[in-house]
PDB file of all heavy atoms in Angstrom:
ATOM      1  N   SER A   1     -13.319   3.692  12.291  1.00  0.00           N
ATOM      2  CA  SER A   1     -13.962   2.615  11.539  1.00  0.00           C
ATOM      3  C   SER A   1     -13.879   2.864  10.043  1.00  0.00           C
ATOM      4  O   SER A   1     -13.639   1.945   9.256  1.00  0.00           O
ATOM      5  CB  SER A   1     -15.424   2.479  11.960  1.00  0.00           C
ATOM      6  OG  SER A   1     -15.509   2.024  13.291  1.00  0.00           O
ATOM      7  N   GLU A   2     -14.073   4.095   9.643  1.00  0.00           N
ATOM      8  CA  GLU A   2     -13.996   4.443   8.230  1.00  0.00           C
ATOM      9  C   GLU A   2     -12.579   4.241   7.686  1.00  0.00           C
ATOM     10  O   GLU A   2     -12.394   3.673   6.613  1.00  0.00           O
ATOM     11  CB  GLU A   2     -14.442   5.889   8.031  1.00  0.00           C
ATOM     12  CG  GLU A   2     -14.638   6.263   6.590  1.00  0.00           C
ATOM     13  CD  GLU A   2     -15.283   7.633   6.431  1.00  0.00           C
ATOM     14  OE1 GLU A   2     -16.167   7.985   7.232  1.00  0.00           O
ATOM     15  OE2 GLU A   2     -14.884   8.337   5.508  1.00  0.00           O
ATOM     16  N   VAL A   3     -11.590   4.660   8.427  1.00  0.00           N
ATOM     17  CA  VAL A   3     -10.196   4.493   8.013  1.00  0.00           C
ATOM     18  C   VAL A   3      -9.842   3.012   7.922  1.00  0.00           C
ATOM     19  O   VAL A   3      -9.171   2.575   6.973  1.00  0.00           O
ATOM     20  CB  VAL A   3      -9.233   5.244   8.966  1.00  0.00           C
ATOM     21  CG1 VAL A   3      -7.787   4.863   8.714  1.00  0.00           C
ATOM     22  CG2 VAL A   3      -9.426   6.747   8.833  1.00  0.00           C
ATOM     23  N   ARG A   4     -10.315   2.223   8.871  1.00  0.00           N
ATOM     24  CA  ARG A   4     -10.046   0.777   8.823  1.00  0.00           C
ATOM     25  C   ARG A   4     -10.713   0.139   7.615  1.00  0.00           C
ATOM     26  O   ARG A   4     -10.148  -0.744   6.984  1.00  0.00           O
ATOM     27  CB  ARG A   4     -10.491   0.110  10.113  1.00  0.00           C
ATOM     28  CG  ARG A   4      -9.532   0.381  11.237  1.00  0.00           C
ATOM     29  CD  ARG A   4      -9.837  -0.426  12.463  1.00  0.00           C
ATOM     30  NE  ARG A   4      -8.831  -0.183  13.483  1.00  0.00           N
ATOM     31  CZ  ARG A   4      -9.036  -0.282  14.766  1.00  0.00           C
ATOM     32  NH1 ARG A   4     -10.216  -0.655  15.220  1.00  0.00           N
ATOM     33  NH2 ARG A   4      -8.067  -0.044  15.621  1.00  0.00           N
ATOM     34  N   ALA A   5     -11.917   0.577   7.293  1.00  0.00           N
ATOM     35  CA  ALA A   5     -12.607   0.042   6.119  1.00  0.00           C
ATOM     36  C   ALA A   5     -11.827   0.352   4.843  1.00  0.00           C
ATOM     37  O   ALA A   5     -11.662  -0.513   3.980  1.00  0.00           O
ATOM     38  CB  ALA A   5     -14.022   0.613   6.034  1.00  0.00           C
ATOM     39  N   VAL A   6     -11.340   1.568   4.736  1.00  0.00           N
ATOM     40  CA  VAL A   6     -10.531   1.945   3.571  1.00  0.00           C
ATOM     41  C   VAL A   6      -9.248   1.112   3.527  1.00  0.00           C
ATOM     42  O   VAL A   6      -8.835   0.638   2.468  1.00  0.00           O
ATOM     43  CB  VAL A   6     -10.221   3.459   3.575  1.00  0.00           C
ATOM     44  CG1 VAL A   6      -9.201   3.816   2.514  1.00  0.00           C
ATOM     45  CG2 VAL A   6     -11.493   4.255   3.394  1.00  0.00           C
ATOM     46  N   SER A   7      -8.636   0.905   4.671  1.00  0.00           N
ATOM     47  CA  SER A   7      -7.430   0.098   4.754  1.00  0.00           C
ATOM     48  C   SER A   7      -7.675  -1.314   4.227  1.00  0.00           C
ATOM     49  O   SER A   7      -6.906  -1.840   3.425  1.00  0.00           O
ATOM     50  CB  SER A   7      -6.939   0.051   6.199  1.00  0.00           C
ATOM     51  OG  SER A   7      -5.863  -0.847   6.354  1.00  0.00           O
ATOM     52  N   TYR A   8      -8.763  -1.935   4.679  1.00  0.00           N
ATOM     53  CA  TYR A   8      -9.077  -3.292   4.211  1.00  0.00           C
ATOM     54  C   TYR A   8      -9.410  -3.304   2.725  1.00  0.00           C
ATOM     55  O   TYR A   8      -9.039  -4.234   2.008  1.00  0.00           O
ATOM     56  CB  TYR A   8     -10.219  -3.894   5.030  1.00  0.00           C
ATOM     57  CG  TYR A   8      -9.770  -4.334   6.398  1.00  0.00           C
ATOM     58  CD1 TYR A   8     -10.286  -3.739   7.533  1.00  0.00           C
ATOM     59  CD2 TYR A   8      -8.799  -5.323   6.558  1.00  0.00           C
ATOM     60  CE1 TYR A   8      -9.860  -4.122   8.805  1.00  0.00           C
ATOM     61  CE2 TYR A   8      -8.362  -5.709   7.821  1.00  0.00           C
ATOM     62  CZ  TYR A   8      -8.901  -5.106   8.935  1.00  0.00           C
ATOM     63  OH  TYR A   8      -8.477  -5.488  10.185  1.00  0.00           O
ATOM     64  N   ALA A   9     -10.090  -2.277   2.244  1.00  0.00           N
ATOM     65  CA  ALA A   9     -10.424  -2.204   0.825  1.00  0.00           C
ATOM     66  C   ALA A   9      -9.156  -2.123  -0.028  1.00  0.00           C
ATOM     67  O   ALA A   9      -9.040  -2.797  -1.058  1.00  0.00           O
ATOM     68  CB  ALA A   9     -11.321  -0.994   0.552  1.00  0.00           C
ATOM     69  N   VAL A  10      -8.189  -1.333   0.406  1.00  0.00           N
ATOM     70  CA  VAL A  10      -6.928  -1.208  -0.332  1.00  0.00           C
ATOM     71  C   VAL A  10      -6.176  -2.532  -0.313  1.00  0.00           C
ATOM     72  O   VAL A  10      -5.622  -2.964  -1.322  1.00  0.00           O
ATOM     73  CB  VAL A  10      -6.062  -0.063   0.236  1.00  0.00           C
ATOM     74  CG1 VAL A  10      -4.668  -0.078  -0.357  1.00  0.00           C
ATOM     75  CG2 VAL A  10      -6.734   1.278  -0.007  1.00  0.00           C
ATOM     76  N   ARG A  11      -6.172  -3.206   0.823  1.00  0.00           N
ATOM     77  CA  ARG A  11      -5.503  -4.508   0.919  1.00  0.00           C
ATOM     78  C   ARG A  11      -6.140  -5.515  -0.024  1.00  0.00           C
ATOM     79  O   ARG A  11      -5.442  -6.266  -0.714  1.00  0.00           O
ATOM     80  CB  ARG A  11      -5.548  -5.031   2.352  1.00  0.00           C
ATOM     81  CG  ARG A  11      -4.673  -4.268   3.294  1.00  0.00           C
ATOM     82  CD  ARG A  11      -4.802  -4.815   4.691  1.00  0.00           C
ATOM     83  NE  ARG A  11      -4.142  -3.923   5.625  1.00  0.00           N
ATOM     84  CZ  ARG A  11      -4.141  -4.092   6.916  1.00  0.00           C
ATOM     85  NH1 ARG A  11      -4.767  -5.103   7.464  1.00  0.00           N
ATOM     86  NH2 ARG A  11      -3.510  -3.240   7.698  1.00  0.00           N
ATOM     87  N   CYS A  12      -7.464  -5.558  -0.040  1.00  0.00           N
ATOM     88  CA  CYS A  12      -8.161  -6.490  -0.926  1.00  0.00           C
ATOM     89  C   CYS A  12      -7.895  -6.169  -2.395  1.00  0.00           C
ATOM     90  O   CYS A  12      -7.668  -7.069  -3.208  1.00  0.00           O
ATOM     91  CB  CYS A  12      -9.660  -6.460  -0.659  1.00  0.00           C
ATOM     92  SG  CYS A  12     -10.127  -7.175   0.936  1.00  0.00           S
ATOM     93  N   LEU A  13      -7.909  -4.893  -2.724  1.00  0.00           N
ATOM     94  CA  LEU A  13      -7.635  -4.480  -4.100  1.00  0.00           C
ATOM     95  C   LEU A  13      -6.219  -4.874  -4.510  1.00  0.00           C
ATOM     96  O   LEU A  13      -6.008  -5.450  -5.582  1.00  0.00           O
ATOM     97  CB  LEU A  13      -7.827  -2.972  -4.248  1.00  0.00           C
ATOM     98  CG  LEU A  13      -7.490  -2.388  -5.618  1.00  0.00           C
ATOM     99  CD1 LEU A  13      -8.374  -3.002  -6.694  1.00  0.00           C
ATOM    100  CD2 LEU A  13      -7.636  -0.879  -5.585  1.00  0.00           C
ATOM    101  N   ALA A  14      -5.247  -4.596  -3.664  1.00  0.00           N
ATOM    102  CA  ALA A  14      -3.864  -4.940  -3.985  1.00  0.00           C
ATOM    103  C   ALA A  14      -3.690  -6.446  -4.137  1.00  0.00           C
ATOM    104  O   ALA A  14      -3.017  -6.918  -5.055  1.00  0.00           O
ATOM    105  CB  ALA A  14      -2.910  -4.396  -2.911  1.00  0.00           C
ATOM    106  N   ALA A  15      -4.300  -7.214  -3.249  1.00  0.00           N
ATOM    107  CA  ALA A  15      -4.199  -8.670  -3.329  1.00  0.00           C
ATOM    108  C   ALA A  15      -4.827  -9.186  -4.622  1.00  0.00           C
ATOM    109  O   ALA A  15      -4.257 -10.051  -5.303  1.00  0.00           O
ATOM    110  CB  ALA A  15      -4.876  -9.316  -2.121  1.00  0.00           C
ATOM    111  N   THR A  16      -5.976  -8.654  -4.987  1.00  0.00           N
ATOM    112  CA  THR A  16      -6.641  -9.060  -6.215  1.00  0.00           C
ATOM    113  C   THR A  16      -5.793  -8.725  -7.432  1.00  0.00           C
ATOM    114  O   THR A  16      -5.638  -9.539  -8.348  1.00  0.00           O
ATOM    115  CB  THR A  16      -8.027  -8.384  -6.328  1.00  0.00           C
ATOM    116  OG1 THR A  16      -8.809  -8.766  -5.188  1.00  0.00           O
ATOM    117  CG2 THR A  16      -8.739  -8.768  -7.598  1.00  0.00           C
ATOM    118  N   LEU A  17      -5.231  -7.529  -7.442  1.00  0.00           N
ATOM    119  CA  LEU A  17      -4.388  -7.126  -8.559  1.00  0.00           C
ATOM    120  C   LEU A  17      -3.125  -7.987  -8.656  1.00  0.00           C
ATOM    121  O   LEU A  17      -2.702  -8.349  -9.755  1.00  0.00           O
ATOM    122  CB  LEU A  17      -4.007  -5.648  -8.445  1.00  0.00           C
ATOM    123  CG  LEU A  17      -5.155  -4.662  -8.650  1.00  0.00           C
ATOM    124  CD1 LEU A  17      -4.702  -3.248  -8.308  1.00  0.00           C
ATOM    125  CD2 LEU A  17      -5.681  -4.741 -10.070  1.00  0.00           C
ATOM    126  N   LYS A  18      -2.540  -8.327  -7.535  1.00  0.00           N
ATOM    127  CA  LYS A  18      -1.345  -9.168  -7.558  1.00  0.00           C
ATOM    128  C   LYS A  18      -1.695 -10.569  -8.067  1.00  0.00           C
ATOM    129  O   LYS A  18      -1.001 -11.119  -8.912  1.00  0.00           O
ATOM    130  CB  LYS A  18      -0.691  -9.262  -6.183  1.00  0.00           C
ATOM    131  CG  LYS A  18       0.582 -10.101  -6.210  1.00  0.00           C
ATOM    132  CD  LYS A  18       1.278 -10.170  -4.868  1.00  0.00           C
ATOM    133  CE  LYS A  18       2.511 -11.060  -4.954  1.00  0.00           C
ATOM    134  NZ  LYS A  18       3.161 -11.199  -3.651  1.00  0.00           N
ATOM    135  N   GLU A  19      -2.773 -11.132  -7.544  1.00  0.00           N
ATOM    136  CA  GLU A  19      -3.186 -12.481  -7.954  1.00  0.00           C
ATOM    137  C   GLU A  19      -3.428 -12.559  -9.455  1.00  0.00           C
ATOM    138  O   GLU A  19      -3.102 -13.559 -10.097  1.00  0.00           O
ATOM    139  CB  GLU A  19      -4.458 -12.911  -7.230  1.00  0.00           C
ATOM    140  CG  GLU A  19      -4.239 -13.402  -5.842  1.00  0.00           C
ATOM    141  CD  GLU A  19      -5.537 -13.825  -5.186  1.00  0.00           C
ATOM    142  OE1 GLU A  19      -6.610 -13.318  -5.538  1.00  0.00           O
ATOM    143  OE2 GLU A  19      -5.451 -14.681  -4.297  1.00  0.00           O
ATOM    144  N   SER A  20      -3.984 -11.510 -10.016  1.00  0.00           N
ATOM    145  CA  SER A  20      -4.311 -11.513 -11.441  1.00  0.00           C
ATOM    146  C   SER A  20      -3.131 -11.095 -12.321  1.00  0.00           C
ATOM    147  O   SER A  20      -3.248 -11.094 -13.541  1.00  0.00           O
ATOM    148  CB  SER A  20      -5.505 -10.602 -11.708  1.00  0.00           C
ATOM    149  OG  SER A  20      -5.157  -9.248 -11.485  1.00  0.00           O
ATOM    150  N   GLY A  21      -2.012 -10.738 -11.697  1.00  0.00           N
ATOM    151  CA  GLY A  21      -0.833 -10.346 -12.458  1.00  0.00           C
ATOM    152  C   GLY A  21      -0.826  -8.895 -12.897  1.00  0.00           C
ATOM    153  O   GLY A  21      -0.012  -8.499 -13.723  1.00  0.00           O
ATOM    154  N   HIS A  22      -1.707  -8.083 -12.335  1.00  0.00           N
ATOM    155  CA  HIS A  22      -1.812  -6.674 -12.722  1.00  0.00           C
ATOM    156  C   HIS A  22      -1.146  -5.713 -11.740  1.00  0.00           C
ATOM    157  O   HIS A  22      -1.282  -4.502 -11.880  1.00  0.00           O
ATOM    158  CB  HIS A  22      -3.281  -6.286 -12.893  1.00  0.00           C
ATOM    159  CG  HIS A  22      -3.924  -6.959 -14.049  1.00  0.00           C
ATOM    160  ND1 HIS A  22      -4.588  -8.155 -13.936  1.00  0.00           N
ATOM    161  CD2 HIS A  22      -3.966  -6.627 -15.353  1.00  0.00           C
ATOM    162  CE1 HIS A  22      -5.035  -8.520 -15.113  1.00  0.00           C
ATOM    163  NE2 HIS A  22      -4.667  -7.607 -16.004  1.00  0.00           N
ATOM    164  N   LEU A  23      -0.442  -6.243 -10.767  1.00  0.00           N
ATOM    165  CA  LEU A  23       0.248  -5.393  -9.795  1.00  0.00           C
ATOM    166  C   LEU A  23       1.718  -5.768  -9.765  1.00  0.00           C
ATOM    167  O   LEU A  23       2.065  -6.943  -9.609  1.00  0.00           O
ATOM    168  CB  LEU A  23      -0.337  -5.580  -8.378  1.00  0.00           C
ATOM    169  CG  LEU A  23       0.399  -4.834  -7.263  1.00  0.00           C
ATOM    170  CD1 LEU A  23       0.103  -3.342  -7.339  1.00  0.00           C
ATOM    171  CD2 LEU A  23      -0.001  -5.374  -5.909  1.00  0.00           C
ATOM    172  N   ASP A  24       2.574  -4.786  -9.935  1.00  0.00           N
ATOM    173  CA  ASP A  24       4.011  -4.998  -9.781  1.00  0.00           C
ATOM    174  C   ASP A  24       4.306  -4.911  -8.281  1.00  0.00           C
ATOM    175  O   ASP A  24       4.526  -3.834  -7.738  1.00  0.00           O
ATOM    176  CB  ASP A  24       4.781  -3.939 -10.556  1.00  0.00           C
ATOM    177  CG  ASP A  24       6.282  -4.138 -10.521  1.00  0.00           C
ATOM    178  OD1 ASP A  24       6.787  -4.831  -9.598  1.00  0.00           O
ATOM    179  OD2 ASP A  24       6.966  -3.602 -11.404  1.00  0.00           O
ATOM    180  N   ALA A  25       4.255  -6.064  -7.624  1.00  0.00           N
ATOM    181  CA  ALA A  25       4.377  -6.109  -6.168  1.00  0.00           C
ATOM    182  C   ALA A  25       5.702  -5.551  -5.673  1.00  0.00           C
ATOM    183  O   ALA A  25       5.752  -4.924  -4.621  1.00  0.00           O
ATOM    184  CB  ALA A  25       4.171  -7.534  -5.666  1.00  0.00           C
ATOM    185  N   GLU A  26       6.766  -5.771  -6.423  1.00  0.00           N
ATOM    186  CA  GLU A  26       8.070  -5.249  -5.997  1.00  0.00           C
ATOM    187  C   GLU A  26       8.049  -3.730  -5.940  1.00  0.00           C
ATOM    188  O   GLU A  26       8.553  -3.135  -4.983  1.00  0.00           O
ATOM    189  CB  GLU A  26       9.169  -5.740  -6.928  1.00  0.00           C
ATOM    190  CG  GLU A  26       9.495  -7.209  -6.751  1.00  0.00           C
ATOM    191  CD  GLU A  26      10.616  -7.671  -7.664  1.00  0.00           C
ATOM    192  OE1 GLU A  26      11.469  -6.836  -8.055  1.00  0.00           O
ATOM    193  OE2 GLU A  26      10.637  -8.868  -7.986  1.00  0.00           O
ATOM    194  N   ARG A  27       7.471  -3.095  -6.943  1.00  0.00           N
ATOM    195  CA  ARG A  27       7.398  -1.635  -6.948  1.00  0.00           C
ATOM    196  C   ARG A  27       6.448  -1.121  -5.872  1.00  0.00           C
ATOM    197  O   ARG A  27       6.701  -0.108  -5.220  1.00  0.00           O
ATOM    198  CB  ARG A  27       6.946  -1.123  -8.315  1.00  0.00           C
ATOM    199  CG  ARG A  27       8.048  -1.287  -9.366  1.00  0.00           C
ATOM    200  CD  ARG A  27       7.614  -0.804 -10.706  1.00  0.00           C
ATOM    201  NE  ARG A  27       7.458   0.653 -10.690  1.00  0.00           N
ATOM    202  CZ  ARG A  27       6.887   1.320 -11.675  1.00  0.00           C
ATOM    203  NH1 ARG A  27       6.410   0.699 -12.721  1.00  0.00           N
ATOM    204  NH2 ARG A  27       6.785   2.624 -11.605  1.00  0.00           N
ATOM    205  N   TYR A  28       5.341  -1.830  -5.683  1.00  0.00           N
ATOM    206  CA  TYR A  28       4.355  -1.473  -4.648  1.00  0.00           C
ATOM    207  C   TYR A  28       5.018  -1.482  -3.273  1.00  0.00           C
ATOM    208  O   TYR A  28       4.906  -0.526  -2.504  1.00  0.00           O
ATOM    209  CB  TYR A  28       3.213  -2.486  -4.735  1.00  0.00           C
ATOM    210  CG  TYR A  28       2.094  -2.327  -3.728  1.00  0.00           C
ATOM    211  CD1 TYR A  28       1.101  -1.390  -3.898  1.00  0.00           C
ATOM    212  CD2 TYR A  28       2.014  -3.176  -2.631  1.00  0.00           C
ATOM    213  CE1 TYR A  28       0.049  -1.274  -3.000  1.00  0.00           C
ATOM    214  CE2 TYR A  28       0.962  -3.073  -1.727  1.00  0.00           C
ATOM    215  CZ  TYR A  28      -0.006  -2.125  -1.914  1.00  0.00           C
ATOM    216  OH  TYR A  28      -1.031  -2.033  -1.026  1.00  0.00           O
ATOM    217  N   VAL A  29       5.739  -2.567  -2.987  1.00  0.00           N
ATOM    218  CA  VAL A  29       6.425  -2.691  -1.698  1.00  0.00           C
ATOM    219  C   VAL A  29       7.534  -1.650  -1.579  1.00  0.00           C
ATOM    220  O   VAL A  29       7.705  -1.028  -0.530  1.00  0.00           O
ATOM    221  CB  VAL A  29       6.956  -4.123  -1.502  1.00  0.00           C
ATOM    222  CG1 VAL A  29       7.892  -4.204  -0.322  1.00  0.00           C
ATOM    223  CG2 VAL A  29       5.788  -5.097  -1.336  1.00  0.00           C
ATOM    224  N   ALA A  30       8.274  -1.441  -2.646  1.00  0.00           N
ATOM    225  CA  ALA A  30       9.375  -0.467  -2.610  1.00  0.00           C
ATOM    226  C   ALA A  30       8.859   0.946  -2.317  1.00  0.00           C
ATOM    227  O   ALA A  30       9.481   1.696  -1.552  1.00  0.00           O
ATOM    228  CB  ALA A  30      10.139  -0.481  -3.929  1.00  0.00           C
ATOM    229  N   ARG A  31       7.720   1.279  -2.899  1.00  0.00           N
ATOM    230  CA  ARG A  31       7.149   2.610  -2.639  1.00  0.00           C
ATOM    231  C   ARG A  31       6.706   2.763  -1.195  1.00  0.00           C
ATOM    232  O   ARG A  31       6.911   3.800  -0.572  1.00  0.00           O
ATOM    233  CB  ARG A  31       5.977   2.870  -3.579  1.00  0.00           C
ATOM    234  CG  ARG A  31       6.440   3.145  -4.980  1.00  0.00           C
ATOM    235  CD  ARG A  31       5.303   3.419  -5.898  1.00  0.00           C
ATOM    236  NE  ARG A  31       5.822   3.655  -7.239  1.00  0.00           N
ATOM    237  CZ  ARG A  31       5.112   4.100  -8.239  1.00  0.00           C
ATOM    238  NH1 ARG A  31       3.841   4.371  -8.061  1.00  0.00           N
ATOM    239  NH2 ARG A  31       5.658   4.286  -9.413  1.00  0.00           N
ATOM    240  N   MET A  32       6.108   1.725  -0.656  1.00  0.00           N
ATOM    241  CA  MET A  32       5.701   1.808   0.749  1.00  0.00           C
ATOM    242  C   MET A  32       6.913   1.842   1.666  1.00  0.00           C
ATOM    243  O   MET A  32       6.920   2.574   2.653  1.00  0.00           O
ATOM    244  CB  MET A  32       4.763   0.659   1.092  1.00  0.00           C
ATOM    245  CG  MET A  32       3.366   1.005   0.691  1.00  0.00           C
ATOM    246  SD  MET A  32       2.168   0.067   1.564  1.00  0.00           S
ATOM    247  CE  MET A  32       1.985  -1.243   0.405  1.00  0.00           C
ATOM    248  N   GLN A  33       7.925   1.056   1.342  1.00  0.00           N
ATOM    249  CA  GLN A  33       9.137   1.060   2.164  1.00  0.00           C
ATOM    250  C   GLN A  33       9.789   2.436   2.131  1.00  0.00           C
ATOM    251  O   GLN A  33      10.309   2.914   3.128  1.00  0.00           O
ATOM    252  CB  GLN A  33      10.119  -0.015   1.685  1.00  0.00           C
ATOM    253  CG  GLN A  33      11.303  -0.177   2.614  1.00  0.00           C
ATOM    254  CD  GLN A  33      10.893  -0.588   4.021  1.00  0.00           C
ATOM    255  OE1 GLN A  33      10.193  -1.570   4.205  1.00  0.00           O
ATOM    256  NE2 GLN A  33      11.321   0.173   5.008  1.00  0.00           N
ATOM    257  N   SER A  34       9.728   3.096   0.998  1.00  0.00           N
ATOM    258  CA  SER A  34      10.262   4.456   0.876  1.00  0.00           C
ATOM    259  C   SER A  34       9.518   5.413   1.806  1.00  0.00           C
ATOM    260  O   SER A  34      10.136   6.296   2.424  1.00  0.00           O
ATOM    261  CB  SER A  34      10.148   4.931  -0.565  1.00  0.00           C
ATOM    262  OG  SER A  34      10.561   6.262  -0.675  1.00  0.00           O
ATOM    263  N   GLN A  35       8.206   5.244   1.919  1.00  0.00           N
ATOM    264  CA  GLN A  35       7.431   6.085   2.832  1.00  0.00           C
ATOM    265  C   GLN A  35       7.858   5.846   4.276  1.00  0.00           C
ATOM    266  O   GLN A  35       7.997   6.785   5.051  1.00  0.00           O
ATOM    267  CB  GLN A  35       5.930   5.799   2.688  1.00  0.00           C
ATOM    268  CG  GLN A  35       5.386   6.017   1.299  1.00  0.00           C
ATOM    269  CD  GLN A  35       5.618   7.414   0.775  1.00  0.00           C
ATOM    270  OE1 GLN A  35       5.305   8.388   1.441  1.00  0.00           O
ATOM    271  NE2 GLN A  35       6.171   7.521  -0.417  1.00  0.00           N
ATOM    272  N   ILE A  36       8.080   4.584   4.608  1.00  0.00           N
ATOM    273  CA  ILE A  36       8.526   4.246   5.965  1.00  0.00           C
ATOM    274  C   ILE A  36       9.905   4.841   6.229  1.00  0.00           C
ATOM    275  O   ILE A  36      10.153   5.428   7.288  1.00  0.00           O
ATOM    276  CB  ILE A  36       8.538   2.719   6.161  1.00  0.00           C
ATOM    277  CG1 ILE A  36       7.102   2.180   6.124  1.00  0.00           C
ATOM    278  CG2 ILE A  36       9.236   2.334   7.452  1.00  0.00           C
ATOM    279  CD1 ILE A  36       7.005   0.675   6.000  1.00  0.00           C
ATOM    280  N   ASP A  37      10.795   4.702   5.265  1.00  0.00           N
ATOM    281  CA  ASP A  37      12.164   5.194   5.425  1.00  0.00           C
ATOM    282  C   ASP A  37      12.234   6.716   5.564  1.00  0.00           C
ATOM    283  O   ASP A  37      13.168   7.240   6.155  1.00  0.00           O
ATOM    284  CB  ASP A  37      13.031   4.751   4.256  1.00  0.00           C
ATOM    285  CG  ASP A  37      13.237   3.247   4.203  1.00  0.00           C
ATOM    286  OD1 ASP A  37      12.959   2.563   5.219  1.00  0.00           O
ATOM    287  OD2 ASP A  37      13.646   2.746   3.139  1.00  0.00           O
ATOM    288  N   ASN A  38      11.234   7.410   5.016  1.00  0.00           N
ATOM    289  CA  ASN A  38      11.224   8.879   5.040  1.00  0.00           C
ATOM    290  C   ASN A  38      10.188   9.448   6.002  1.00  0.00           C
ATOM    291  O   ASN A  38       9.791  10.605   5.875  1.00  0.00           O
ATOM    292  CB  ASN A  38      10.980   9.410   3.632  1.00  0.00           C
ATOM    293  CG  ASN A  38      12.136   9.101   2.721  1.00  0.00           C
ATOM    294  OD1 ASN A  38      13.261   9.493   2.993  1.00  0.00           O
ATOM    295  ND2 ASN A  38      11.871   8.362   1.657  1.00  0.00           N
ATOM    296  N   ILE A  39       9.785   8.674   6.969  1.00  0.00           N
ATOM    297  CA  ILE A  39       8.722   9.068   7.896  1.00  0.00           C
ATOM    298  C   ILE A  39       9.023  10.392   8.612  1.00  0.00           C
ATOM    299  O   ILE A  39       8.123  11.169   8.900  1.00  0.00           O
ATOM    300  CB  ILE A  39       8.420   7.945   8.929  1.00  0.00           C
ATOM    301  CG1 ILE A  39       7.176   8.285   9.757  1.00  0.00           C
ATOM    302  CG2 ILE A  39       9.601   7.699   9.828  1.00  0.00           C
ATOM    303  CD1 ILE A  39       5.910   8.248   9.002  1.00  0.00           C
ATOM    304  N   ASP A  40      10.271  10.667   8.867  1.00  0.00           N
ATOM    305  CA  ASP A  40      10.621  11.885   9.596  1.00  0.00           C
ATOM    306  C   ASP A  40      10.343  13.156   8.809  1.00  0.00           C
ATOM    307  O   ASP A  40      10.323  14.245   9.376  1.00  0.00           O
ATOM    308  CB  ASP A  40      12.088  11.847  10.027  1.00  0.00           C
ATOM    309  CG  ASP A  40      12.331  10.796  11.093  1.00  0.00           C
ATOM    310  OD1 ASP A  40      11.394  10.509  11.872  1.00  0.00           O
ATOM    311  OD2 ASP A  40      13.446  10.246  11.144  1.00  0.00           O
ATOM    312  N   THR A  41      10.104  13.034   7.511  1.00  0.00           N
ATOM    313  CA  THR A  41       9.821  14.215   6.689  1.00  0.00           C
ATOM    314  C   THR A  41       8.332  14.543   6.625  1.00  0.00           C
ATOM    315  O   THR A  41       7.958  15.566   6.072  1.00  0.00           O
ATOM    316  CB  THR A  41      10.355  14.036   5.250  1.00  0.00           C
ATOM    317  OG1 THR A  41       9.645  12.952   4.627  1.00  0.00           O
ATOM    318  CG2 THR A  41      11.847  13.751   5.252  1.00  0.00           C
ATOM    319  N   TYR A  42       7.470  13.692   7.207  1.00  0.00           N
ATOM    320  CA  TYR A  42       6.032  13.904   7.144  1.00  0.00           C
ATOM    321  C   TYR A  42       5.551  14.611   8.412  1.00  0.00           C
ATOM    322  O   TYR A  42       5.376  13.990   9.450  1.00  0.00           O
ATOM    323  CB  TYR A  42       5.288  12.583   6.978  1.00  0.00           C
ATOM    324  CG  TYR A  42       5.683  11.830   5.736  1.00  0.00           C
ATOM    325  CD1 TYR A  42       5.939  10.467   5.787  1.00  0.00           C
ATOM    326  CD2 TYR A  42       5.809  12.472   4.521  1.00  0.00           C
ATOM    327  CE1 TYR A  42       6.307   9.779   4.651  1.00  0.00           C
ATOM    328  CE2 TYR A  42       6.181  11.793   3.385  1.00  0.00           C
ATOM    329  CZ  TYR A  42       6.425  10.444   3.454  1.00  0.00           C
ATOM    330  OH  TYR A  42       6.795   9.766   2.339  1.00  0.00           O
ATOM    331  N   ASN A  43       5.306  15.889   8.288  1.00  0.00           N
ATOM    332  CA  ASN A  43       4.843  16.667   9.442  1.00  0.00           C
ATOM    333  C   ASN A  43       3.387  16.377   9.780  1.00  0.00           C
ATOM    334  O   ASN A  43       2.970  16.568  10.909  1.00  0.00           O
ATOM    335  CB  ASN A  43       5.028  18.163   9.168  1.00  0.00           C
ATOM    336  CG  ASN A  43       6.482  18.521   9.016  1.00  0.00           C
ATOM    337  OD1 ASN A  43       7.335  17.916   9.624  1.00  0.00           O
ATOM    338  ND2 ASN A  43       6.766  19.512   8.180  1.00  0.00           N
ATOM    339  N   GLY A  44       2.606  15.920   8.821  1.00  0.00           N
ATOM    340  CA  GLY A  44       1.184  15.684   9.043  1.00  0.00           C
ATOM    341  C   GLY A  44       0.861  14.373   9.742  1.00  0.00           C
ATOM    342  O   GLY A  44      -0.275  14.135  10.108  1.00  0.00           O
TER     343      GLY A  44
END
């Protein structure tokens, strides 16, 4: 429940920042896609 709450908080923050023009969405998405692409390197 705590992890889900943090997840929703981050989503709301990112959406608010994008709506207001304070988030570079392309870079945000690119960074997350990089994490997905490199998933095999994360032992944790």
